[in-house]
């Protein structure tokens, strides 16, 4: 491979002896084989140099994030960028905004903001890269309150294919504005996005009970699918602070029917508990609860709202 001597940052050229799991941990092995090179940039100049190397060798650049993307092929035509050195988060309370770099994962962003009394729109997995999520639109449990993640994006810093670092904002004009809107939901593959600025909100504005998020969870056997769908469909439209989800999975250790398929109907309410119980009255009906393997509600610390999905974050 030509041009590697121009790199001033760490890199690995995998060979037959390389344990890919050690150098390129990913959530799924689908579409994954050894890339031509793994580059760990320290600066934006390193990324520009990596882009030139990729172009000279006919390689596609794939920037990593949380390592949970399932739609990207990584193979011997790939120059993989590991942005682990770009992990900074900065909250600006004066402007109610948060600036996050390329490698920030959802769990880190969540805990950083909550510690300062703030939150922003996030996906429901702590392990997912926040940048990849927002570039793909970012479906969240706060959709009713604030829309998708892209509805809260204010700016992006991106290194283009030409090696130029630019900042595009919602207030930009011309081609820069067009690029900003393209990044909002269809941003994968348009360049290496180094940072994003998003709206942040004070937790106090939610009027939470005990400063915690109200949740209700019902676990069902597959035979109760029609009942689950009927209950889910009754929330149309849901209350603004309410998020209701159906999840299909194999029951994890410690849960009812361990190892068997189950259906989880869950509700999260970003507001006072008394309002939550009124908004989710359907989930307390005796007939529905009677068909569940388990049903419970709880107040969850804001920093732990994604912890219930932690078993699903395992790699492999």
Protein backbone atom coordinates (compact mmCIF):
# COMPACT_ATOMS: atom_id res chain seq x y z
CA UNK A 1 0.00 0.00 0.00
CA UNK A 2 1.42 3.34 -1.02
CA UNK A 3 1.48 6.48 1.08
CA UNK A 4 1.59 4.98 4.59
CA UNK A 5 4.84 6.83 5.29
CA UNK A 6 2.90 10.10 5.08
CA UNK A 7 0.83 9.14 8.14
CA UNK A 8 2.05 10.65 11.41
CA UNK A 9 -0.60 8.97 13.57
CA UNK A 10 -0.96 5.32 14.68
CA UNK A 11 -2.18 2.82 12.09
CA UNK A 12 -2.45 -0.94 11.61
CA UNK A 13 -2.33 -2.91 8.38
CA UNK A 14 -4.12 -6.15 9.32
CA UNK A 15 -2.73 -9.46 8.07
CA UNK A 16 -3.60 -13.13 8.49
CA UNK A 17 -2.32 -13.13 12.09
CA UNK A 18 -4.39 -10.12 13.21
CA UNK A 19 -7.23 -10.83 15.63
CA UNK A 20 -9.86 -8.53 14.18
CA UNK A 21 -11.87 -8.46 17.41
CA UNK A 22 -8.90 -6.88 19.21
CA UNK A 23 -8.27 -4.08 16.72
CA UNK A 24 -11.77 -3.52 15.31
CA UNK A 25 -14.47 -4.38 17.88
CA UNK A 26 -17.94 -4.09 16.35
CA UNK A 27 -21.42 -4.98 17.58
CA UNK A 28 -22.05 -7.34 14.67
CA UNK A 29 -19.80 -9.43 12.45
CA UNK A 30 -22.12 -8.91 9.47
CA UNK A 31 -20.38 -7.43 6.41
CA UNK A 32 -17.12 -7.38 8.38
CA UNK A 33 -13.70 -8.60 7.29
CA UNK A 34 -10.19 -7.19 7.62
CA UNK A 35 -9.91 -3.63 6.24
CA UNK A 36 -6.89 -2.57 4.21
CA UNK A 37 -5.80 -0.27 7.03
CA UNK A 38 -7.03 0.97 10.41
CA UNK A 39 -6.00 4.57 11.13
CA UNK A 40 -6.29 6.25 14.54
CA UNK A 41 -6.06 10.01 13.91
CA UNK A 42 -5.01 12.48 16.58
CA UNK A 43 -5.81 15.65 14.65
CA UNK A 44 -7.89 16.84 11.74
CA UNK A 45 -4.70 17.00 9.67
CA UNK A 46 -4.32 13.25 10.26
CA UNK A 47 -7.77 12.73 8.77
CA UNK A 48 -6.87 14.81 5.73
CA UNK A 49 -3.74 12.67 5.26
CA UNK A 50 -5.83 9.51 5.64
CA UNK A 51 -8.22 10.78 2.97
CA UNK A 52 -5.34 11.32 0.55
CA UNK A 53 -3.98 7.84 1.25
CA UNK A 54 -7.41 6.31 0.63
CA UNK A 55 -7.80 8.17 -2.65
CA UNK A 56 -4.33 7.13 -3.85
CA UNK A 57 -5.05 3.47 -3.10
CA UNK A 58 -8.66 3.32 -4.29
CA UNK A 59 -10.03 2.75 -0.78
CA UNK A 60 -13.33 3.80 0.74
CA UNK A 61 -13.06 5.67 4.04
CA UNK A 62 -15.33 4.39 6.81
CA UNK A 63 -15.27 6.53 9.97
CA UNK A 64 -16.08 4.50 13.07
CA UNK A 65 -18.17 5.82 15.94
CA UNK A 66 -19.84 3.62 18.48
CA UNK A 67 -19.15 0.54 16.34
CA UNK A 68 -22.84 -0.33 16.04
CA UNK A 69 -23.52 0.45 12.38
CA UNK A 70 -25.00 -2.65 10.72
CA UNK A 71 -25.32 -1.39 7.16
CA UNK A 72 -21.69 -0.60 6.27
CA UNK A 73 -19.42 -3.09 4.57
CA UNK A 74 -15.86 -3.21 5.93
CA UNK A 75 -13.43 -5.20 3.77
CA UNK A 76 -10.05 -5.03 2.03
CA UNK A 77 -11.20 -1.95 0.10
CA UNK A 78 -11.77 -0.02 3.33
CA UNK A 79 -9.63 2.53 5.14
CA UNK A 80 -11.17 2.46 8.61
CA UNK A 81 -10.87 5.58 10.77
CA UNK A 82 -10.98 4.94 14.52
CA UNK A 83 -11.89 8.32 16.08
CA UNK A 84 -11.30 7.25 19.70
CA UNK A 85 -9.24 10.39 20.35
CA UNK A 86 -12.21 12.62 19.50
CA UNK A 87 -14.33 12.05 22.58
CA UNK A 88 -14.91 15.53 23.99
CA UNK A 89 -18.26 16.92 25.21
CA UNK A 90 -18.87 20.56 26.10
CA UNK A 91 -22.11 21.94 27.55
CA UNK A 92 -22.80 25.66 27.14
CA UNK A 93 -25.53 26.46 29.66
CA UNK A 94 -25.76 30.07 28.53
CA UNK A 95 -26.90 29.02 25.06
CA UNK A 96 -28.47 25.68 26.11
CA UNK A 97 -26.33 23.78 23.62
CA UNK A 98 -23.96 20.83 23.76
CA UNK A 99 -20.98 20.21 21.46
CA UNK A 100 -19.95 16.59 20.95
CA UNK A 101 -17.09 15.07 18.98
CA UNK A 102 -17.12 12.12 16.59
CA UNK A 103 -16.43 9.30 19.06
CA UNK A 104 -18.88 10.25 21.82
CA UNK A 105 -21.17 7.39 22.76
CA UNK A 106 -24.73 7.87 23.92
CA UNK A 107 -24.12 6.67 27.48
CA UNK A 108 -21.24 9.09 27.99
CA UNK A 109 -23.25 11.98 26.58
CA UNK A 110 -26.26 11.14 28.76
CA UNK A 111 -24.30 10.91 32.00
CA UNK A 112 -22.24 14.02 31.26
CA UNK A 113 -25.34 16.14 30.72
CA UNK A 114 -27.41 14.72 33.59
CA UNK A 115 -24.58 15.44 36.02
CA UNK A 116 -25.06 19.11 35.11
CA UNK A 117 -28.85 19.03 35.17
CA UNK A 118 -29.37 18.83 31.41
CA UNK A 119 -30.38 16.37 28.70
CA UNK A 120 -30.60 16.19 24.93
CA UNK A 121 -32.28 13.86 22.48
CA UNK A 122 -30.55 10.45 22.43
CA UNK A 123 -31.15 6.88 21.19
CA UNK A 124 -32.01 4.12 23.67
CA UNK A 125 -28.62 2.36 23.65
CA UNK A 126 -25.70 3.61 25.73
CA UNK A 127 -23.24 1.95 23.35
CA UNK A 128 -24.42 3.60 20.13
CA UNK A 129 -22.32 6.44 18.74
CA UNK A 130 -24.23 9.69 19.16
CA UNK A 131 -22.81 11.12 15.92
CA UNK A 132 -23.88 8.15 13.82
CA UNK A 133 -27.33 8.35 15.38
CA UNK A 134 -27.89 12.00 14.54
CA UNK A 135 -26.57 11.55 10.99
CA UNK A 136 -29.22 8.85 10.53
CA UNK A 137 -31.99 11.17 11.84
CA UNK A 138 -31.94 9.84 15.41
CA UNK A 139 -35.17 8.25 16.61
CA UNK A 140 -35.46 8.77 20.38
CA UNK A 141 -37.84 8.37 23.29
CA UNK A 142 -38.04 12.17 23.45
CA UNK A 143 -39.56 12.50 19.97
CA UNK A 144 -42.85 13.84 21.31
CA UNK A 145 -41.11 16.60 23.24
CA UNK A 146 -38.36 17.64 20.86
CA UNK A 147 -38.61 15.71 17.59
CA UNK A 148 -35.82 13.58 16.15
CA UNK A 149 -32.16 14.20 16.94
CA UNK A 150 -31.74 16.06 13.65
CA UNK A 151 -34.47 18.48 14.72
CA UNK A 152 -32.12 19.47 17.52
CA UNK A 153 -28.92 19.72 15.46
CA UNK A 154 -27.57 23.25 15.09
CA UNK A 155 -24.22 22.73 13.36
CA UNK A 156 -21.73 20.16 12.09
CA UNK A 157 -17.98 20.30 11.57
CA UNK A 158 -17.06 18.12 8.60
CA UNK A 159 -13.94 17.29 6.62
CA UNK A 160 -14.93 17.00 2.99
CA UNK A 161 -13.57 14.62 0.37
CA UNK A 162 -11.38 17.49 -0.82
CA UNK A 163 -9.73 17.63 2.61
CA UNK A 164 -11.35 20.90 3.66
CA UNK A 165 -12.66 21.36 7.22
CA UNK A 166 -15.84 23.45 7.31
CA UNK A 167 -18.57 24.30 9.80
CA UNK A 168 -22.12 24.16 8.43
CA UNK A 169 -25.04 25.51 10.45
CA UNK A 170 -28.79 25.91 10.36
CA UNK A 171 -28.07 29.60 9.70
CA UNK A 172 -25.69 28.92 6.79
CA UNK A 173 -26.54 29.90 3.23
CA UNK A 174 -26.09 28.45 -0.24
CA UNK A 175 -24.18 25.19 -0.58
CA UNK A 176 -23.25 25.14 3.10
CA UNK A 177 -26.92 25.22 4.10
CA UNK A 178 -27.70 22.46 1.59
CA UNK A 179 -24.92 20.35 3.11
CA UNK A 180 -26.25 21.01 6.63
CA UNK A 181 -29.70 19.73 5.66
CA UNK A 182 -28.19 16.72 3.88
CA UNK A 183 -26.27 15.84 7.04
CA UNK A 184 -29.52 16.00 9.01
CA UNK A 185 -30.70 12.44 8.49
CA UNK A 186 -28.79 11.41 5.37
CA UNK A 187 -25.30 12.34 6.49
CA UNK A 188 -23.45 9.06 6.26
CA UNK A 189 -20.85 9.04 3.51
CA UNK A 190 -20.76 12.79 2.83
CA UNK A 191 -17.47 13.33 4.64
CA UNK A 192 -15.88 12.77 8.03
CA UNK A 193 -18.08 14.54 10.56
CA UNK A 194 -15.87 15.67 13.44
CA UNK A 195 -18.37 17.38 15.74
CA UNK A 196 -21.97 18.45 16.12
CA UNK A 197 -23.71 21.10 18.19
CA UNK A 198 -27.16 20.22 19.52
CA UNK A 199 -29.83 21.80 21.66
CA UNK A 200 -29.76 20.90 25.36
CA UNK A 201 -32.60 21.18 27.85
CA UNK A 202 -32.76 21.60 31.65
CA UNK A 203 -34.13 18.49 33.36
CA UNK A 204 -36.03 20.75 35.76
CA UNK A 205 -38.34 21.76 32.90
CA UNK A 206 -39.84 18.25 32.89
CA UNK A 207 -41.19 18.46 36.48
CA UNK A 208 -40.18 14.85 37.14
CA UNK A 209 -41.30 13.05 40.29
CA UNK A 210 -38.28 12.67 42.60
CA UNK A 211 -36.26 13.93 39.63
CA UNK A 212 -36.67 10.50 38.01
CA UNK A 213 -38.24 9.22 34.79
CA UNK A 214 -41.46 7.20 35.09
CA UNK A 215 -41.49 3.86 33.26
CA UNK A 216 -43.80 0.88 32.89
CA UNK A 217 -42.83 -2.50 31.45
CA UNK A 218 -44.96 -5.51 30.53
CA UNK A 219 -43.45 -8.78 29.27
CA UNK A 220 -45.61 -11.13 27.22
CA UNK A 221 -45.36 -14.58 25.62
CA UNK A 222 -45.62 -14.66 21.79
CA UNK A 223 -49.23 -15.88 22.01
CA UNK A 224 -50.26 -12.46 23.35
CA UNK A 225 -49.07 -10.60 20.24
CA UNK A 226 -52.53 -9.42 19.19
CA UNK A 227 -53.21 -8.03 22.66
CA UNK A 228 -49.87 -6.20 22.64
CA UNK A 229 -50.52 -4.68 19.23
CA UNK A 230 -54.00 -3.58 20.27
CA UNK A 231 -52.65 -1.93 23.41
CA UNK A 232 -49.82 -0.26 21.48
CA UNK A 233 -52.20 1.03 18.81
CA UNK A 234 -54.42 2.63 21.43
CA UNK A 235 -51.71 5.27 21.96
CA UNK A 236 -52.42 7.09 18.72
CA UNK A 237 -51.48 9.80 19.15
CA UNK A 238 -49.56 9.39 22.43
CA UNK A 239 -49.32 12.15 25.00
CA UNK A 240 -46.46 14.52 24.14
CA UNK A 241 -44.12 13.38 26.98
CA UNK A 242 -44.93 9.69 26.39
CA UNK A 243 -42.94 7.12 24.42
CA UNK A 244 -44.37 3.61 23.92
CA UNK A 245 -42.35 0.82 22.32
CA UNK A 246 -42.70 -2.83 21.37
CA UNK A 247 -39.51 -4.90 21.52
CA UNK A 248 -39.13 -8.50 20.35
CA UNK A 249 -36.27 -10.41 21.95
CA UNK A 250 -35.10 -13.56 23.67
CA UNK A 251 -35.63 -13.21 27.39
CA UNK A 252 -32.28 -12.41 29.08
CA UNK A 253 -31.01 -14.18 32.22
CA UNK A 254 -32.99 -13.22 35.30
CA UNK A 255 -36.14 -12.35 33.35
CA UNK A 256 -39.26 -14.53 32.97
CA UNK A 257 -38.96 -17.41 30.45
CA UNK A 258 -35.18 -17.00 30.17
CA UNK A 259 -33.95 -17.92 26.69
CA UNK A 260 -37.42 -17.94 25.14
CA UNK A 261 -38.92 -15.39 22.74
CA UNK A 262 -40.85 -12.64 24.52
CA UNK A 263 -42.57 -9.38 23.62
CA UNK A 264 -41.87 -6.32 25.75
CA UNK A 265 -44.33 -3.44 25.78
CA UNK A 266 -42.74 -0.47 27.52
CA UNK A 267 -43.69 3.11 28.25
CA UNK A 268 -41.51 6.04 29.27
CA UNK A 269 -43.02 9.30 30.48
CA UNK A 270 -40.99 12.50 30.78
CA UNK A 271 -43.17 14.23 33.32
CA UNK A 272 -44.89 13.86 36.70
CA UNK A 273 -45.89 10.32 37.75
CA UNK A 274 -49.54 11.23 38.30
CA UNK A 275 -49.77 12.41 34.70
CA UNK A 276 -47.96 9.29 33.49
CA UNK A 277 -50.46 6.93 35.10
CA UNK A 278 -53.36 8.77 33.49
CA UNK A 279 -51.68 8.76 30.07
CA UNK A 280 -50.96 5.01 30.25
CA UNK A 281 -54.20 3.77 31.82
CA UNK A 282 -54.45 1.10 29.10
CA UNK A 283 -51.29 -0.58 30.44
CA UNK A 284 -52.94 -1.09 33.84
CA UNK A 285 -56.09 -2.83 32.57
CA UNK A 286 -56.67 -6.10 34.40
CA UNK A 287 -57.22 -8.21 31.28
CA UNK A 288 -54.00 -7.01 29.62
CA UNK A 289 -51.92 -7.37 32.78
CA UNK A 290 -53.35 -10.85 33.30
CA UNK A 291 -51.80 -12.01 30.02
CA UNK A 292 -48.34 -10.66 30.90
CA UNK A 293 -45.50 -12.76 32.27
CA UNK A 294 -44.49 -9.76 34.34
CA UNK A 295 -45.68 -6.18 34.73
CA UNK A 296 -44.17 -3.38 36.76
CA UNK A 297 -43.55 0.34 36.83
CA UNK A 298 -40.60 2.20 38.30
CA UNK A 299 -38.96 5.57 38.68
CA UNK A 300 -35.57 5.50 36.98
CA UNK A 301 -32.72 7.95 37.46
CA UNK A 302 -32.34 9.98 34.27
CA UNK A 303 -28.73 8.84 33.83
CA UNK A 304 -29.92 5.20 33.85
CA UNK A 305 -32.83 5.40 31.41
CA UNK A 306 -31.02 3.23 28.83
CA UNK A 307 -29.68 0.61 31.23
CA UNK A 308 -32.53 -1.83 30.57
CA UNK A 309 -31.18 -2.40 27.06
CA UNK A 310 -27.63 -3.11 28.24
CA UNK A 311 -27.81 -6.90 27.54
CA UNK A 312 -28.45 -6.07 23.87
CA UNK A 313 -25.19 -4.12 23.60
CA UNK A 314 -22.95 -7.20 23.78
CA UNK A 315 -20.64 -7.61 20.79
CA UNK A 316 -20.62 -10.70 18.61
